Amino acid sequence: MLVLFVSIHSFGQRRGKVDPKDLQIDSLTQASSALTSQLDSVTAELNKYQGVYTTLSEEVFKYNFDPAKTSLLIDSLRTTRDSTFTTTTHVLEDSLSLMNNKNMVLQAKLDSLGLGSDPAAAMARQEKEKDAAISDLKDLKELLDSGIITETEFTAKKKPLLEKL
């Protein structure tokens, strides 16, 4: 039993002692794993940036440029775009203002013709006014022919009726 106890004790001591070379290998393995994960993340970022560079060089700038100057190129694009957009906005505002003025002039003409918001009703009203003016002219002519009014009175009363036509 004593032999068994001594052998267990000595076996336990060997287990408890770690070889410094094993410790160094473990620490190197951990460092290697950390560096590998960093390299993977840097590689992923590099792939993103290469994709952006390729898109910019092929689609936007149409030539290969120094990637270190990407921010300057993007700023120049932004400045150009902003100035173009501002100019376009002013032009659109001017055009809109002109169109509003033209619409107001046309609306005033429609209102003066009696063609306000309902063109069909206005046209019907104009037709009724023309029919009434024609009827009044016929009545005036009958009065002139029968001698009830003179030629001067007929001419004076005929003018406003002809303006309605």
N, C-alpha and C. Protein backbone atom coordinates (compact mmCIF):
# COMPACT_ATOMS: atom_id res chain seq x y z
N MET A 1 0.78 -1.15 0.00
CA MET A 1 0.00 0.00 0.00
C MET A 1 0.86 1.26 0.00
N LEU A 2 1.90 1.13 0.69
CA LEU A 2 2.81 2.24 0.74
C LEU A 2 3.37 2.54 -0.65
N VAL A 3 3.65 1.50 -1.37
CA VAL A 3 4.17 1.66 -2.73
C VAL A 3 3.10 2.35 -3.59
N LEU A 4 1.93 1.97 -3.40
CA LEU A 4 0.85 2.57 -4.17
C LEU A 4 0.71 4.04 -3.82
N PHE A 5 0.80 4.36 -2.58
CA PHE A 5 0.67 5.73 -2.14
C PHE A 5 1.81 6.59 -2.69
N VAL A 6 3.02 6.09 -2.65
CA VAL A 6 4.19 6.83 -3.14
C VAL A 6 4.09 7.01 -4.65
N SER A 7 3.66 5.99 -5.37
CA SER A 7 3.56 6.11 -6.82
C SER A 7 2.47 7.11 -7.22
N ILE A 8 1.39 7.15 -6.51
CA ILE A 8 0.31 8.10 -6.80
C ILE A 8 0.80 9.51 -6.53
N HIS A 9 1.53 9.65 -5.40
CA HIS A 9 2.02 10.97 -5.04
C HIS A 9 3.03 11.46 -6.08
N SER A 10 3.92 10.63 -6.51
CA SER A 10 4.91 11.04 -7.49
C SER A 10 4.26 11.29 -8.86
N PHE A 11 3.26 10.51 -9.22
CA PHE A 11 2.54 10.72 -10.48
C PHE A 11 1.80 12.06 -10.44
N GLY A 12 1.23 12.40 -9.29
CA GLY A 12 0.53 13.66 -9.12
C GLY A 12 1.47 14.83 -9.23
N GLN A 13 2.68 14.70 -8.76
CA GLN A 13 3.63 15.79 -8.85
C GLN A 13 4.02 16.03 -10.30
N ARG A 14 4.15 14.99 -11.07
CA ARG A 14 4.50 15.18 -12.48
C ARG A 14 3.37 15.90 -13.22
N ARG A 15 2.18 15.53 -12.84
CA ARG A 15 1.04 16.17 -13.48
C ARG A 15 0.95 17.63 -13.13
N GLY A 16 1.23 17.98 -11.93
CA GLY A 16 1.14 19.35 -11.46
C GLY A 16 2.22 20.22 -12.07
N LYS A 17 3.34 19.66 -12.41
CA LYS A 17 4.42 20.43 -13.01
C LYS A 17 4.17 20.52 -14.51
N VAL A 18 4.26 21.77 -15.02
CA VAL A 18 4.07 21.99 -16.45
C VAL A 18 5.41 22.37 -17.02
N ASP A 19 5.70 21.77 -18.13
CA ASP A 19 6.97 22.06 -18.79
C ASP A 19 6.92 23.48 -19.36
N PRO A 20 7.96 24.32 -19.15
CA PRO A 20 7.96 25.68 -19.67
C PRO A 20 7.84 25.72 -21.18
N LYS A 21 8.33 24.71 -21.86
CA LYS A 21 8.20 24.68 -23.31
C LYS A 21 6.73 24.52 -23.70
N ASP A 22 5.97 23.73 -22.95
CA ASP A 22 4.54 23.57 -23.22
C ASP A 22 3.81 24.89 -22.99
N LEU A 23 4.19 25.62 -21.93
CA LEU A 23 3.59 26.93 -21.66
C LEU A 23 3.87 27.89 -22.81
N GLN A 24 5.08 27.87 -23.29
CA GLN A 24 5.45 28.76 -24.39
C GLN A 24 4.68 28.38 -25.65
N ILE A 25 4.53 27.11 -25.92
CA ILE A 25 3.77 26.64 -27.09
C ILE A 25 2.31 27.07 -26.96
N ASP A 26 1.73 26.93 -25.77
CA ASP A 26 0.34 27.33 -25.55
C ASP A 26 0.16 28.83 -25.78
N SER A 27 1.07 29.64 -25.24
CA SER A 27 0.94 31.09 -25.41
C SER A 27 1.13 31.47 -26.87
N LEU A 28 2.05 30.79 -27.56
CA LEU A 28 2.25 31.07 -28.98
C LEU A 28 1.01 30.65 -29.80
N THR A 29 0.39 29.57 -29.43
CA THR A 29 -0.82 29.12 -30.12
C THR A 29 -1.95 30.13 -29.93
N GLN A 30 -2.09 30.64 -28.71
CA GLN A 30 -3.13 31.64 -28.44
C GLN A 30 -2.85 32.93 -29.22
N ALA A 31 -1.60 33.37 -29.24
CA ALA A 31 -1.23 34.57 -29.99
C ALA A 31 -1.49 34.37 -31.47
N SER A 32 -1.17 33.18 -31.97
CA SER A 32 -1.40 32.87 -33.38
C SER A 32 -2.89 32.91 -33.71
N SER A 33 -3.70 32.39 -32.82
CA SER A 33 -5.16 32.41 -33.03
C SER A 33 -5.68 33.84 -33.05
N ALA A 34 -5.19 34.67 -32.12
CA ALA A 34 -5.63 36.07 -32.07
C ALA A 34 -5.21 36.80 -33.34
N LEU A 35 -3.98 36.58 -33.77
CA LEU A 35 -3.50 37.23 -35.00
C LEU A 35 -4.27 36.74 -36.22
N THR A 36 -4.61 35.47 -36.26
CA THR A 36 -5.39 34.94 -37.38
C THR A 36 -6.76 35.59 -37.44
N SER A 37 -7.42 35.77 -36.30
CA SER A 37 -8.75 36.42 -36.31
C SER A 37 -8.62 37.88 -36.72
N GLN A 38 -7.53 38.56 -36.28
CA GLN A 38 -7.32 39.93 -36.72
C GLN A 38 -7.08 39.98 -38.22
N LEU A 39 -6.29 39.06 -38.73
CA LEU A 39 -6.01 39.01 -40.16
C LEU A 39 -7.28 38.76 -40.95
N ASP A 40 -8.15 37.90 -40.45
CA ASP A 40 -9.42 37.64 -41.13
C ASP A 40 -10.27 38.90 -41.20
N SER A 41 -10.34 39.66 -40.10
CA SER A 41 -11.16 40.87 -40.10
C SER A 41 -10.54 41.93 -41.01
N VAL A 42 -9.21 42.03 -41.01
CA VAL A 42 -8.54 42.99 -41.89
C VAL A 42 -8.74 42.59 -43.35
N THR A 43 -8.69 41.31 -43.64
CA THR A 43 -8.92 40.83 -45.01
C THR A 43 -10.34 41.14 -45.46
N ALA A 44 -11.30 40.98 -44.58
CA ALA A 44 -12.69 41.31 -44.91
C ALA A 44 -12.83 42.81 -45.22
N GLU A 45 -12.20 43.65 -44.41
CA GLU A 45 -12.23 45.09 -44.65
C GLU A 45 -11.54 45.44 -45.96
N LEU A 46 -10.41 44.79 -46.23
CA LEU A 46 -9.69 45.03 -47.48
C LEU A 46 -10.57 44.67 -48.67
N ASN A 47 -11.29 43.57 -48.59
CA ASN A 47 -12.19 43.18 -49.67
C ASN A 47 -13.28 44.22 -49.89
N LYS A 48 -13.82 44.79 -48.79
CA LYS A 48 -14.82 45.86 -48.92
C LYS A 48 -14.23 47.06 -49.63
N TYR A 49 -13.06 47.49 -49.17
CA TYR A 49 -12.44 48.67 -49.76
C TYR A 49 -12.06 48.44 -51.21
N GLN A 50 -11.62 47.25 -51.54
CA GLN A 50 -11.30 46.95 -52.93
C GLN A 50 -12.56 47.00 -53.79
N GLY A 51 -13.66 46.52 -53.24
CA GLY A 51 -14.93 46.59 -53.97
C GLY A 51 -15.36 48.03 -54.20
N VAL A 52 -15.23 48.85 -53.18
CA VAL A 52 -15.58 50.28 -53.33
C VAL A 52 -14.66 50.94 -54.35
N TYR A 53 -13.36 50.65 -54.24
CA TYR A 53 -12.39 51.23 -55.18
C TYR A 53 -12.72 50.83 -56.61
N THR A 54 -13.01 49.55 -56.81
CA THR A 54 -13.32 49.07 -58.16
C THR A 54 -14.56 49.76 -58.70
N THR A 55 -15.59 49.86 -57.88
CA THR A 55 -16.83 50.52 -58.32
C THR A 55 -16.58 51.98 -58.65
N LEU A 56 -15.87 52.67 -57.77
CA LEU A 56 -15.59 54.08 -58.02
C LEU A 56 -14.76 54.28 -59.28
N SER A 57 -13.72 53.46 -59.44
CA SER A 57 -12.83 53.66 -60.59
C SER A 57 -13.52 53.30 -61.90
N GLU A 58 -14.37 52.28 -61.89
CA GLU A 58 -15.01 51.85 -63.14
C GLU A 58 -16.29 52.60 -63.45
N GLU A 59 -17.07 52.93 -62.43
CA GLU A 59 -18.40 53.50 -62.67
C GLU A 59 -18.47 55.02 -62.51
N VAL A 60 -17.69 55.56 -61.58
CA VAL A 60 -17.82 56.99 -61.28
C VAL A 60 -16.73 57.80 -61.96
N PHE A 61 -15.46 57.49 -61.65
CA PHE A 61 -14.35 58.30 -62.16
C PHE A 61 -13.90 57.87 -63.54
N LYS A 62 -14.14 56.62 -63.89
CA LYS A 62 -13.78 56.06 -65.20
C LYS A 62 -12.27 55.98 -65.42
N TYR A 63 -11.47 56.00 -64.36
CA TYR A 63 -10.04 55.77 -64.46
C TYR A 63 -9.53 55.29 -63.11
N ASN A 64 -8.36 54.65 -63.10
CA ASN A 64 -7.76 54.18 -61.86
C ASN A 64 -7.11 55.37 -61.16
N PHE A 65 -7.36 55.48 -59.89
CA PHE A 65 -6.84 56.60 -59.12
C PHE A 65 -6.13 56.09 -57.88
N ASP A 66 -5.41 56.97 -57.22
CA ASP A 66 -4.69 56.62 -56.00
C ASP A 66 -5.71 56.45 -54.88
N PRO A 67 -5.82 55.25 -54.31
CA PRO A 67 -6.82 55.04 -53.26
C PRO A 67 -6.65 55.96 -52.07
N ALA A 68 -5.44 56.47 -51.85
CA ALA A 68 -5.23 57.38 -50.72
C ALA A 68 -5.97 58.70 -50.93
N LYS A 69 -6.31 59.02 -52.17
CA LYS A 69 -7.00 60.27 -52.47
C LYS A 69 -8.51 60.10 -52.62
N THR A 70 -9.02 58.96 -52.21
CA THR A 70 -10.44 58.68 -52.35
C THR A 70 -11.30 59.72 -51.65
N SER A 71 -10.94 60.10 -50.44
CA SER A 71 -11.77 61.06 -49.71
C SER A 71 -11.81 62.41 -50.42
N LEU A 72 -10.67 62.84 -51.00
CA LEU A 72 -10.66 64.11 -51.75
C LEU A 72 -11.55 64.03 -52.98
N LEU A 73 -11.49 62.91 -53.67
CA LEU A 73 -12.33 62.75 -54.87
C LEU A 73 -13.81 62.74 -54.51
N ILE A 74 -14.15 62.06 -53.43
CA ILE A 74 -15.56 62.01 -53.02
C ILE A 74 -16.03 63.40 -52.60
N ASP A 75 -15.18 64.15 -51.89
CA ASP A 75 -15.54 65.51 -51.52
C ASP A 75 -15.75 66.39 -52.75
N SER A 76 -14.91 66.21 -53.77
CA SER A 76 -15.09 67.01 -54.99
C SER A 76 -16.38 66.64 -55.70
N LEU A 77 -16.71 65.35 -55.69
CA LEU A 77 -17.99 64.94 -56.27
C LEU A 77 -19.16 65.54 -55.50
N ARG A 78 -19.08 65.52 -54.17
CA ARG A 78 -20.15 66.04 -53.34
C ARG A 78 -20.33 67.54 -53.60
N THR A 79 -19.22 68.27 -53.71
CA THR A 79 -19.29 69.70 -53.97
C THR A 79 -19.94 69.96 -55.32
N THR A 80 -19.52 69.21 -56.33
CA THR A 80 -20.10 69.37 -57.67
C THR A 80 -21.58 69.05 -57.65
N ARG A 81 -21.95 67.96 -56.99
CA ARG A 81 -23.35 67.56 -56.92
C ARG A 81 -24.18 68.60 -56.20
N ASP A 82 -23.67 69.12 -55.07
CA ASP A 82 -24.42 70.10 -54.30
C ASP A 82 -24.63 71.38 -55.10
N SER A 83 -23.60 71.84 -55.81
CA SER A 83 -23.76 73.07 -56.59
C SER A 83 -24.72 72.84 -57.75
N THR A 84 -24.65 71.67 -58.37
CA THR A 84 -25.57 71.35 -59.46
C THR A 84 -27.00 71.27 -58.95
N PHE A 85 -27.17 70.63 -57.82
CA PHE A 85 -28.51 70.49 -57.26
C PHE A 85 -29.08 71.84 -56.85
N THR A 86 -28.26 72.71 -56.28
CA THR A 86 -28.72 74.03 -55.88
C THR A 86 -29.15 74.83 -57.09
N THR A 87 -28.34 74.80 -58.16
CA THR A 87 -28.69 75.53 -59.38
C THR A 87 -29.97 74.97 -59.98
N THR A 88 -30.10 73.67 -60.01
CA THR A 88 -31.29 73.04 -60.55
C THR A 88 -32.52 73.43 -59.73
N THR A 89 -32.36 73.50 -58.43
CA THR A 89 -33.48 73.87 -57.57
C THR A 89 -33.96 75.27 -57.89
N HIS A 90 -33.01 76.22 -58.06
CA HIS A 90 -33.40 77.59 -58.39
C HIS A 90 -34.11 77.65 -59.73
N VAL A 91 -33.60 76.90 -60.70
CA VAL A 91 -34.23 76.89 -62.02
C VAL A 91 -35.64 76.33 -61.91
N LEU A 92 -35.81 75.25 -61.14
CA LEU A 92 -37.14 74.67 -60.97
C LEU A 92 -38.08 75.63 -60.27
N GLU A 93 -37.57 76.36 -59.26
CA GLU A 93 -38.42 77.32 -58.56
C GLU A 93 -38.85 78.42 -59.51
N ASP A 94 -37.92 78.90 -60.38
CA ASP A 94 -38.28 79.92 -61.35
C ASP A 94 -39.32 79.41 -62.32
N SER A 95 -39.14 78.18 -62.80
CA SER A 95 -40.10 77.60 -63.74
C SER A 95 -41.47 77.44 -63.08
N LEU A 96 -41.46 77.02 -61.84
CA LEU A 96 -42.71 76.87 -61.11
C LEU A 96 -43.41 78.21 -60.94
N SER A 97 -42.65 79.24 -60.65
CA SER A 97 -43.22 80.57 -60.49
C SER A 97 -43.83 81.04 -61.80
N LEU A 98 -43.11 80.82 -62.92
CA LEU A 98 -43.66 81.21 -64.23
C LEU A 98 -44.94 80.45 -64.55
N MET A 99 -44.96 79.16 -64.25
CA MET A 99 -46.16 78.37 -64.53
C MET A 99 -47.33 78.82 -63.67
N ASN A 100 -47.07 79.17 -62.42
CA ASN A 100 -48.15 79.68 -61.57
C ASN A 100 -48.71 80.99 -62.12
N ASN A 101 -47.83 81.87 -62.59
CA ASN A 101 -48.30 83.13 -63.17
C ASN A 101 -49.14 82.88 -64.41
N LYS A 102 -48.68 81.98 -65.28
CA LYS A 102 -49.44 81.66 -66.49
C LYS A 102 -50.80 81.05 -66.13
N ASN A 103 -50.82 80.19 -65.12
CA ASN A 103 -52.09 79.60 -64.69
C ASN A 103 -53.05 80.65 -64.18
N MET A 104 -52.53 81.62 -63.44
CA MET A 104 -53.42 82.68 -62.92
C MET A 104 -53.98 83.53 -64.05
N VAL A 105 -53.14 83.83 -65.08
CA VAL A 105 -53.62 84.60 -66.23
C VAL A 105 -54.69 83.82 -66.97
N LEU A 106 -54.46 82.53 -67.20
CA LEU A 106 -55.45 81.71 -67.89
C LEU A 106 -56.74 81.57 -67.08
N GLN A 107 -56.60 81.43 -65.77
CA GLN A 107 -57.79 81.33 -64.93
C GLN A 107 -58.60 82.63 -64.98
N ALA A 108 -57.90 83.77 -65.01
CA ALA A 108 -58.59 85.06 -65.12
C ALA A 108 -59.34 85.16 -66.45
N LYS A 109 -58.71 84.67 -67.53
CA LYS A 109 -59.39 84.68 -68.84
C LYS A 109 -60.62 83.79 -68.81
N LEU A 110 -60.48 82.60 -68.21
CA LEU A 110 -61.63 81.70 -68.11
C LEU A 110 -62.76 82.34 -67.30
N ASP A 111 -62.38 82.98 -66.20
CA ASP A 111 -63.40 83.63 -65.37
C ASP A 111 -64.09 84.76 -66.12
N SER A 112 -63.32 85.52 -66.91
CA SER A 112 -63.93 86.62 -67.66
C SER A 112 -64.86 86.10 -68.75
N LEU A 113 -64.57 84.90 -69.25
CA LEU A 113 -65.43 84.30 -70.26
C LEU A 113 -66.59 83.54 -69.63
N GLY A 114 -66.56 83.45 -68.31
CA GLY A 114 -67.61 82.71 -67.63
C GLY A 114 -67.33 81.22 -67.60
N LEU A 115 -66.07 80.84 -67.82
CA LEU A 115 -65.69 79.43 -67.82
C LEU A 115 -64.92 79.10 -66.55
N GLY A 116 -65.52 79.34 -65.41
CA GLY A 116 -64.83 79.12 -64.14
C GLY A 116 -64.48 77.67 -63.90
N SER A 117 -64.94 77.16 -62.81
CA SER A 117 -64.55 75.82 -62.41
C SER A 117 -65.29 74.72 -63.17
N ASP A 118 -66.50 75.01 -63.67
CA ASP A 118 -67.27 73.99 -64.39
C ASP A 118 -67.46 74.43 -65.84
N PRO A 119 -66.58 74.01 -66.75
CA PRO A 119 -66.64 74.46 -68.14
C PRO A 119 -67.95 74.11 -68.84
N ALA A 120 -68.53 72.97 -68.55
CA ALA A 120 -69.77 72.56 -69.23
C ALA A 120 -70.92 73.50 -68.85
N ALA A 121 -71.02 73.83 -67.58
CA ALA A 121 -72.07 74.75 -67.13
C ALA A 121 -71.84 76.15 -67.70
N ALA A 122 -70.60 76.57 -67.80
CA ALA A 122 -70.30 77.88 -68.34
C ALA A 122 -70.65 77.95 -69.82
N MET A 123 -70.33 76.87 -70.55
CA MET A 123 -70.68 76.84 -71.98
C MET A 123 -72.19 76.89 -72.17
N ALA A 124 -72.90 76.17 -71.34
CA ALA A 124 -74.37 76.18 -71.43
C ALA A 124 -74.91 77.58 -71.13
N ARG A 125 -74.28 78.24 -70.14
CA ARG A 125 -74.73 79.60 -69.78
C ARG A 125 -74.44 80.56 -70.94
N GLN A 126 -73.30 80.41 -71.61
CA GLN A 126 -72.98 81.27 -72.75
C GLN A 126 -73.96 81.05 -73.89
N GLU A 127 -74.33 79.81 -74.14
CA GLU A 127 -75.29 79.50 -75.21
C GLU A 127 -76.65 80.14 -74.90
N LYS A 128 -77.05 80.07 -73.63
CA LYS A 128 -78.33 80.69 -73.25
C LYS A 128 -78.28 82.20 -73.45
N GLU A 129 -77.12 82.81 -73.10
CA GLU A 129 -76.98 84.26 -73.29
C GLU A 129 -77.03 84.62 -74.77
N LYS A 130 -76.42 83.84 -75.64
CA LYS A 130 -76.47 84.09 -77.08
C LYS A 130 -77.88 83.95 -77.61
N ASP A 131 -78.57 82.88 -77.18
CA ASP A 131 -79.96 82.68 -77.63
C ASP A 131 -80.84 83.85 -77.19
N ALA A 132 -80.63 84.33 -75.96
CA ALA A 132 -81.42 85.47 -75.46
C ALA A 132 -81.11 86.73 -76.26
N ALA A 133 -79.83 86.95 -76.59
CA ALA A 133 -79.46 88.13 -77.37
C ALA A 133 -80.06 88.06 -78.77
N ILE A 134 -80.06 86.89 -79.38
CA ILE A 134 -80.65 86.73 -80.73
C ILE A 134 -82.15 86.98 -80.67
N SER A 135 -82.78 86.44 -79.65
CA SER A 135 -84.23 86.66 -79.49
C SER A 135 -84.54 88.14 -79.30
N ASP A 136 -83.71 88.84 -78.50
CA ASP A 136 -83.91 90.27 -78.29
C ASP A 136 -83.70 91.06 -79.58
N LEU A 137 -82.71 90.64 -80.39
CA LEU A 137 -82.49 91.31 -81.67
C LEU A 137 -83.68 91.14 -82.62
N LYS A 138 -84.24 89.94 -82.62
CA LYS A 138 -85.43 89.70 -83.45
C LYS A 138 -86.59 90.56 -83.00
N ASP A 139 -86.75 90.67 -81.69
CA ASP A 139 -87.83 91.51 -81.14
C ASP A 139 -87.61 92.98 -81.52
N LEU A 140 -86.33 93.43 -81.42
CA LEU A 140 -86.03 94.82 -81.80
C LEU A 140 -86.32 95.06 -83.28
N LYS A 141 -85.98 94.09 -84.12
CA LYS A 141 -86.22 94.23 -85.57
C LYS A 141 -87.72 94.32 -85.85
N GLU A 142 -88.51 93.51 -85.14
CA GLU A 142 -89.96 93.57 -85.31
C GLU A 142 -90.49 94.93 -84.87
N LEU A 143 -89.94 95.46 -83.78
CA LEU A 143 -90.38 96.79 -83.32
C LEU A 143 -90.01 97.87 -84.34
N LEU A 144 -88.81 97.74 -84.96
CA LEU A 144 -88.40 98.70 -85.98
C LEU A 144 -89.30 98.58 -87.21
N ASP A 145 -89.56 97.34 -87.66
CA ASP A 145 -90.38 97.13 -88.84
C ASP A 145 -91.82 97.62 -88.63
N SER A 146 -92.32 97.49 -87.43
CA SER A 146 -93.69 97.94 -87.17
C SER A 146 -93.75 99.44 -86.91
N GLY A 147 -92.57 100.10 -86.81
CA GLY A 147 -92.53 101.55 -86.65
C GLY A 147 -92.64 102.00 -85.22
N ILE A 148 -92.55 101.11 -84.27
CA ILE A 148 -92.67 101.48 -82.85
C ILE A 148 -91.41 102.20 -82.39
N ILE A 149 -90.23 101.78 -82.89
CA ILE A 149 -88.98 102.47 -82.54
C ILE A 149 -88.35 103.00 -83.81
N THR A 150 -87.48 103.98 -83.66
CA THR A 150 -86.82 104.59 -84.82
C THR A 150 -85.53 103.82 -85.12
N GLU A 151 -84.93 104.17 -86.28
CA GLU A 151 -83.67 103.54 -86.69
C GLU A 151 -82.56 103.86 -85.69
N THR A 152 -82.54 105.05 -85.14
CA THR A 152 -81.51 105.46 -84.17
C THR A 152 -81.66 104.65 -82.88
N GLU A 153 -82.89 104.47 -82.41
CA GLU A 153 -83.12 103.68 -81.20
C GLU A 153 -82.73 102.21 -81.43
N PHE A 154 -83.09 101.73 -82.64
CA PHE A 154 -82.75 100.35 -82.98
C PHE A 154 -81.23 100.14 -82.94
N THR A 155 -80.48 101.07 -83.55
CA THR A 155 -79.03 100.97 -83.60
C THR A 155 -78.43 101.04 -82.19
N ALA A 156 -78.95 101.92 -81.36
CA ALA A 156 -78.43 102.08 -79.99
C ALA A 156 -78.67 100.82 -79.15
N LYS A 157 -79.84 100.22 -79.31
CA LYS A 157 -80.17 99.02 -78.53
C LYS A 157 -79.54 97.75 -79.11
N LYS A 158 -79.20 97.80 -80.41
CA LYS A 158 -78.61 96.65 -81.07
C LYS A 158 -77.15 96.44 -80.64
N LYS A 159 -76.39 97.55 -80.40
CA LYS A 159 -74.97 97.44 -80.06
C LYS A 159 -74.70 96.54 -78.86
N PRO A 160 -75.33 96.74 -77.69
CA PRO A 160 -75.01 95.87 -76.56
C PRO A 160 -75.38 94.41 -76.82
N LEU A 161 -76.44 94.18 -77.58
CA LEU A 161 -76.84 92.79 -77.88
C LEU A 161 -75.82 92.11 -78.79
N LEU A 162 -75.25 92.85 -79.75
CA LEU A 162 -74.25 92.27 -80.64
C LEU A 162 -72.94 91.98 -79.88
N GLU A 163 -72.64 92.76 -78.85
CA GLU A 163 -71.42 92.51 -78.05
C GLU A 163 -71.53 91.20 -77.28
N LYS A 164 -72.73 90.79 -76.95
CA LYS A 164 -72.92 89.54 -76.23
C LYS A 164 -72.69 88.33 -77.12
N LEU A 165 -72.85 88.55 -78.43
CA LEU A 165 -72.63 87.43 -79.36
C LEU A 165 -71.15 87.28 -79.55
